[in-house]
Amino acid sequence: MNTQRFAPIGVIDSGIGGISMLKELRQKYKYENYIYLADNQYMPYGNKSSKFLCGRVLELVNYLVTTYNVKLVILACNTASVCCL
């Protein structure tokens, strides 16, 4: 059996704004499992340097992969997306 198929999808945001994206994902892809990670410790991201944000996003992605074995990570934060992707 392909266990990766049943692995969750990770959703990262700097606070709570990504909850609306998670809600849409859950409506469209009802049979997926999700892990929502809100980085409240460092919010807001708008006043952080690109170097810091990219490092932080990599830490969060690594955490989701190693802890939850996610099959996909969605970066639901516009600031982090602009700086890091």
C-alpha atoms as a PDB file:
ATOM      1  CA  MET A   1       0.000   0.000   0.000  1.00  0.00           C
ATOM      2  CA  ASN A   2       1.229   3.489  -0.836  1.00  0.00           C
ATOM      3  CA  THR A   3       1.369   5.206   2.582  1.00  0.00           C
ATOM      4  CA  GLN A   4       2.492   8.512   1.029  1.00  0.00           C
ATOM      5  CA  ARG A   5      -0.923   8.749  -0.587  1.00  0.00           C
ATOM      6  CA  PHE A   6      -2.509   8.978   2.877  1.00  0.00           C
ATOM      7  CA  ALA A   7       0.071  11.372   4.328  1.00  0.00           C
ATOM      8  CA  PRO A   8      -1.264  14.784   5.373  1.00  0.00           C
ATOM      9  CA  ILE A   9      -0.799  18.086   3.594  1.00  0.00           C
ATOM     10  CA  GLY A  10       0.977  20.758   5.626  1.00  0.00           C
ATOM     11  CA  VAL A  11      -0.276  24.348   5.582  1.00  0.00           C
ATOM     12  CA  ILE A  12       2.021  27.062   6.984  1.00  0.00           C
ATOM     13  CA  ASP A  13       0.986  30.600   7.899  1.00  0.00           C
ATOM     14  CA  SER A  14       2.392  33.343  10.079  1.00  0.00           C
ATOM     15  CA  GLY A  15      -0.817  33.656  12.047  1.00  0.00           C
ATOM     16  CA  ILE A  16      -4.454  32.918  11.376  1.00  0.00           C
ATOM     17  CA  GLY A  17      -5.049  34.283   7.873  1.00  0.00           C
ATOM     18  CA  GLY A  18      -4.293  30.924   6.281  1.00  0.00           C
ATOM     19  CA  ILE A  19      -7.297  29.392   8.003  1.00  0.00           C
ATOM     20  CA  SER A  20      -9.462  30.680   5.134  1.00  0.00           C
ATOM     21  CA  MET A  21      -7.174  28.874   2.671  1.00  0.00           C
ATOM     22  CA  LEU A  22      -7.363  25.726   4.785  1.00  0.00           C
ATOM     23  CA  LYS A  23     -11.151  25.968   4.780  1.00  0.00           C
ATOM     24  CA  GLU A  24     -11.198  26.142   0.967  1.00  0.00           C
ATOM     25  CA  LEU A  25      -8.764  23.241   0.671  1.00  0.00           C
ATOM     26  CA  ARG A  26     -10.907  21.117   2.973  1.00  0.00           C
ATOM     27  CA  GLN A  27     -14.007  21.858   0.875  1.00  0.00           C
ATOM     28  CA  LYS A  28     -12.301  21.085  -2.425  1.00  0.00           C
ATOM     29  CA  TYR A  29     -10.197  18.114  -1.279  1.00  0.00           C
ATOM     30  CA  LYS A  30     -12.452  16.535   1.345  1.00  0.00           C
ATOM     31  CA  TYR A  31     -10.592  13.263   1.632  1.00  0.00           C
ATOM     32  CA  GLU A  32      -7.209  14.759   2.438  1.00  0.00           C
ATOM     33  CA  ASN A  33      -5.778  15.199   5.915  1.00  0.00           C
ATOM     34  CA  TYR A  34      -4.202  18.515   6.894  1.00  0.00           C
ATOM     35  CA  ILE A  35      -1.740  19.833   9.448  1.00  0.00           C
ATOM     36  CA  TYR A  36      -2.109  23.589   9.979  1.00  0.00           C
ATOM     37  CA  LEU A  37       0.940  25.319  11.421  1.00  0.00           C
ATOM     38  CA  ALA A  38       0.487  28.927  12.554  1.00  0.00           C
ATOM     39  CA  ASP A  39       3.805  30.543  13.431  1.00  0.00           C
ATOM     40  CA  ASN A  40       2.405  32.832  16.130  1.00  0.00           C
ATOM     41  CA  GLN A  41       5.812  33.122  17.771  1.00  0.00           C
ATOM     42  CA  TYR A  42       7.179  35.270  14.936  1.00  0.00           C
ATOM     43  CA  MET A  43       4.066  36.975  13.580  1.00  0.00           C
ATOM     44  CA  PRO A  44       3.735  39.360  11.936  1.00  0.00           C
ATOM     45  CA  TYR A  45       6.195  38.436   9.195  1.00  0.00           C
ATOM     46  CA  GLY A  46       6.018  41.857   7.512  1.00  0.00           C
ATOM     47  CA  ASN A  47       8.775  43.404   9.633  1.00  0.00           C
ATOM     48  CA  LYS A  48      11.229  40.486   9.290  1.00  0.00           C
ATOM     49  CA  SER A  49      14.153  40.279   6.863  1.00  0.00           C
ATOM     50  CA  SER A  50      14.016  37.982   3.835  1.00  0.00           C
ATOM     51  CA  LYS A  51      16.979  36.045   5.201  1.00  0.00           C
ATOM     52  CA  PHE A  52      15.189  35.417   8.494  1.00  0.00           C
ATOM     53  CA  LEU A  53      11.919  34.450   6.789  1.00  0.00           C
ATOM     54  CA  CYS A  54      13.540  31.993   4.411  1.00  0.00           C
ATOM     55  CA  GLY A  55      15.377  30.344   7.298  1.00  0.00           C
ATOM     56  CA  ARG A  56      12.207  30.186   9.362  1.00  0.00           C
ATOM     57  CA  VAL A  57      10.150  28.725   6.525  1.00  0.00           C
ATOM     58  CA  LEU A  58      12.793  26.033   5.993  1.00  0.00           C
ATOM     59  CA  GLU A  59      12.650  25.205   9.725  1.00  0.00           C
ATOM     60  CA  LEU A  60       8.861  24.907   9.597  1.00  0.00           C
ATOM     61  CA  VAL A  61       8.883  22.775   6.442  1.00  0.00           C
ATOM     62  CA  ASN A  62      11.514  20.501   7.983  1.00  0.00           C
ATOM     63  CA  TYR A  63       9.386  20.179  11.121  1.00  0.00           C
ATOM     64  CA  LEU A  64       6.312  19.178   9.117  1.00  0.00           C
ATOM     65  CA  VAL A  65       8.261  16.661   7.047  1.00  0.00           C
ATOM     66  CA  THR A  66      10.095  15.024   9.937  1.00  0.00           C
ATOM     67  CA  THR A  67       7.250  15.101  12.471  1.00  0.00           C
ATOM     68  CA  TYR A  68       4.188  14.468  10.307  1.00  0.00           C
ATOM     69  CA  ASN A  69       5.668  13.038   7.093  1.00  0.00           C
ATOM     70  CA  VAL A  70       3.621  15.475   5.000  1.00  0.00           C
ATOM     71  CA  LYS A  71       3.363  14.820   1.283  1.00  0.00           C
ATOM     72  CA  LEU A  72       2.969  18.481   0.365  1.00  0.00           C
ATOM     73  CA  VAL A  73       3.502  21.862   2.019  1.00  0.00           C
ATOM     74  CA  ILE A  74       1.390  24.895   1.169  1.00  0.00           C
ATOM     75  CA  LEU A  75       2.796  28.258   2.173  1.00  0.00           C
ATOM     76  CA  ALA A  76      -0.375  30.212   2.974  1.00  0.00           C
ATOM     77  CA  CYS A  77       1.438  33.423   3.924  1.00  0.00           C
ATOM     78  CA  ASN A  78       1.788  36.055   1.223  1.00  0.00           C
ATOM     79  CA  THR A  79       4.795  37.753   2.866  1.00  0.00           C
ATOM     80  CA  ALA A  80       6.702  34.491   3.177  1.00  0.00           C
ATOM     81  CA  SER A  81       5.721  33.465  -0.360  1.00  0.00           C
ATOM     82  CA  VAL A  82       7.051  36.692  -1.856  1.00  0.00           C
ATOM     83  CA  CYS A  83      10.325  36.471   0.090  1.00  0.00           C
ATOM     84  CA  CYS A  84      11.037  32.774  -0.069  1.00  0.00           C
ATOM     85  CA  LEU A  85       9.545  31.141  -3.135  1.00  0.00           C
END
